[in-house]
Amino acid sequence: MKVKFLVAYDYDCGGIWRVIDADGKSQILEKYPELIIVDEKPHWMSDERLADLTKNAISIENSGDTFFKSLVSQRSIDNDS
């Protein structure tokens, strides 16, 4: 059964927040180790923002999603450095 997880991609100058549907934390970290899984909503994030992220949750299996494609692309750039 899929569970929704709040995640962040920290790129040093800021972060990108998403909600991902996955079987568990390990599934996310195995596929996208650059993500940080956040167990509680940050104090600065509004309930409305979290609701919007949750409504637009990305399935872990949707590797064609632009967010996931960007992560993989950046990983490739970082590995080439």
C-alpha atoms as a PDB file:
ATOM      1  CA  MET A   1       0.000   0.000   0.000  1.00  0.00           C
ATOM      2  CA  LYS A   2       1.343   3.388  -0.986  1.00  0.00           C
ATOM      3  CA  VAL A   3       1.914   6.047   1.668  1.00  0.00           C
ATOM      4  CA  LYS A   4       2.446   9.767   1.120  1.00  0.00           C
ATOM      5  CA  PHE A   5       5.828  11.168   2.197  1.00  0.00           C
ATOM      6  CA  LEU A   6       6.854  14.812   2.351  1.00  0.00           C
ATOM      7  CA  VAL A   7      10.301  15.199   0.801  1.00  0.00           C
ATOM      8  CA  ALA A   8      12.753  17.972   0.107  1.00  0.00           C
ATOM      9  CA  TYR A   9      15.548  18.327  -2.394  1.00  0.00           C
ATOM     10  CA  ASP A  10      18.094  20.709  -0.899  1.00  0.00           C
ATOM     11  CA  TYR A  11      20.234  22.342  -3.565  1.00  0.00           C
ATOM     12  CA  ASP A  12      22.220  24.583  -1.154  1.00  0.00           C
ATOM     13  CA  CYS A  13      20.561  27.848  -2.252  1.00  0.00           C
ATOM     14  CA  GLY A  14      17.092  26.585  -1.427  1.00  0.00           C
ATOM     15  CA  GLY A  15      14.931  23.537  -1.645  1.00  0.00           C
ATOM     16  CA  ILE A  16      12.183  21.942  -3.669  1.00  0.00           C
ATOM     17  CA  TRP A  17       9.357  20.297  -1.751  1.00  0.00           C
ATOM     18  CA  ARG A  18       7.133  17.506  -3.007  1.00  0.00           C
ATOM     19  CA  VAL A  19       4.918  14.730  -1.699  1.00  0.00           C
ATOM     20  CA  ILE A  20       5.706  11.264  -3.036  1.00  0.00           C
ATOM     21  CA  ASP A  21       3.506   8.146  -2.971  1.00  0.00           C
ATOM     22  CA  ALA A  22       5.715   5.168  -2.151  1.00  0.00           C
ATOM     23  CA  ASP A  23       5.678   1.830  -0.352  1.00  0.00           C
ATOM     24  CA  GLY A  24       8.073   3.172   2.270  1.00  0.00           C
ATOM     25  CA  LYS A  25      10.968   5.495   3.008  1.00  0.00           C
ATOM     26  CA  SER A  26      13.528   2.952   1.851  1.00  0.00           C
ATOM     27  CA  GLN A  27      11.923   2.800  -1.599  1.00  0.00           C
ATOM     28  CA  ILE A  28      12.362   6.564  -1.977  1.00  0.00           C
ATOM     29  CA  LEU A  29      15.935   6.640  -0.671  1.00  0.00           C
ATOM     30  CA  GLU A  30      17.030   3.711  -2.821  1.00  0.00           C
ATOM     31  CA  LYS A  31      15.786   5.380  -5.986  1.00  0.00           C
ATOM     32  CA  TYR A  32      16.457   9.029  -5.078  1.00  0.00           C
ATOM     33  CA  PRO A  33      19.088   9.174  -2.297  1.00  0.00           C
ATOM     34  CA  GLU A  34      19.447  12.939  -2.711  1.00  0.00           C
ATOM     35  CA  LEU A  35      15.996  13.498  -1.202  1.00  0.00           C
ATOM     36  CA  ILE A  36      15.380  14.257   2.454  1.00  0.00           C
ATOM     37  CA  ILE A  37      12.265  12.674   3.925  1.00  0.00           C
ATOM     38  CA  VAL A  38      10.566  15.000   6.392  1.00  0.00           C
ATOM     39  CA  ASP A  39       8.438  13.393   9.096  1.00  0.00           C
ATOM     40  CA  GLU A  40       6.653  16.563  10.206  1.00  0.00           C
ATOM     41  CA  LYS A  41       5.497  19.633   8.340  1.00  0.00           C
ATOM     42  CA  PRO A  42       8.058  22.428   8.782  1.00  0.00           C
ATOM     43  CA  HIS A  43       6.779  25.255  10.998  1.00  0.00           C
ATOM     44  CA  TRP A  44       7.028  27.730   8.116  1.00  0.00           C
ATOM     45  CA  MET A  45       4.930  25.627   5.711  1.00  0.00           C
ATOM     46  CA  SER A  46       1.252  26.506   5.662  1.00  0.00           C
ATOM     47  CA  ASP A  47      -1.442  23.850   5.893  1.00  0.00           C
ATOM     48  CA  GLU A  48      -2.660  25.038   2.487  1.00  0.00           C
ATOM     49  CA  ARG A  49       0.771  24.475   0.914  1.00  0.00           C
ATOM     50  CA  LEU A  50       0.991  20.969   2.379  1.00  0.00           C
ATOM     51  CA  ALA A  51      -2.535  20.209   1.156  1.00  0.00           C
ATOM     52  CA  ASP A  52      -1.578  21.392  -2.348  1.00  0.00           C
ATOM     53  CA  LEU A  53       1.582  19.253  -2.359  1.00  0.00           C
ATOM     54  CA  THR A  54      -0.413  16.265  -1.121  1.00  0.00           C
ATOM     55  CA  LYS A  55      -3.113  16.777  -3.747  1.00  0.00           C
ATOM     56  CA  ASN A  56      -0.393  16.785  -6.413  1.00  0.00           C
ATOM     57  CA  ALA A  57       1.596  13.861  -4.986  1.00  0.00           C
ATOM     58  CA  ILE A  58       3.933  12.063  -7.396  1.00  0.00           C
ATOM     59  CA  SER A  59       4.010   8.292  -7.605  1.00  0.00           C
ATOM     60  CA  ILE A  60       7.496   6.867  -7.029  1.00  0.00           C
ATOM     61  CA  GLU A  61       6.917   4.778 -10.154  1.00  0.00           C
ATOM     62  CA  ASN A  62       6.434   7.854 -12.376  1.00  0.00           C
ATOM     63  CA  SER A  63      10.065   8.178 -13.468  1.00  0.00           C
ATOM     64  CA  GLY A  64       8.904  10.426 -16.313  1.00  0.00           C
ATOM     65  CA  ASP A  65       7.845  13.165 -13.882  1.00  0.00           C
ATOM     66  CA  THR A  66       9.870  16.349 -14.417  1.00  0.00           C
ATOM     67  CA  PHE A  67      10.903  16.471 -10.738  1.00  0.00           C
ATOM     68  CA  PHE A  68      12.376  12.964 -10.863  1.00  0.00           C
ATOM     69  CA  LYS A  69      13.964  13.591 -14.258  1.00  0.00           C
ATOM     70  CA  SER A  70      15.629  16.717 -12.855  1.00  0.00           C
ATOM     71  CA  LEU A  71      17.029  14.754  -9.903  1.00  0.00           C
ATOM     72  CA  VAL A  72      18.529  12.110 -12.167  1.00  0.00           C
ATOM     73  CA  SER A  73      19.922  14.751 -14.505  1.00  0.00           C
ATOM     74  CA  GLN A  74      21.562  16.645 -11.630  1.00  0.00           C
ATOM     75  CA  ARG A  75      22.941  13.367 -10.244  1.00  0.00           C
ATOM     76  CA  SER A  76      24.588  12.711 -13.604  1.00  0.00           C
ATOM     77  CA  ILE A  77      26.147  16.196 -13.608  1.00  0.00           C
ATOM     78  CA  ASP A  78      27.390  15.758 -10.024  1.00  0.00           C
ATOM     79  CA  ASN A  79      28.892  12.343 -10.834  1.00  0.00           C
ATOM     80  CA  ASP A  80      30.753  13.775 -13.821  1.00  0.00           C
ATOM     81  CA  SER A  81      32.374  16.456 -11.656  1.00  0.00           C
END
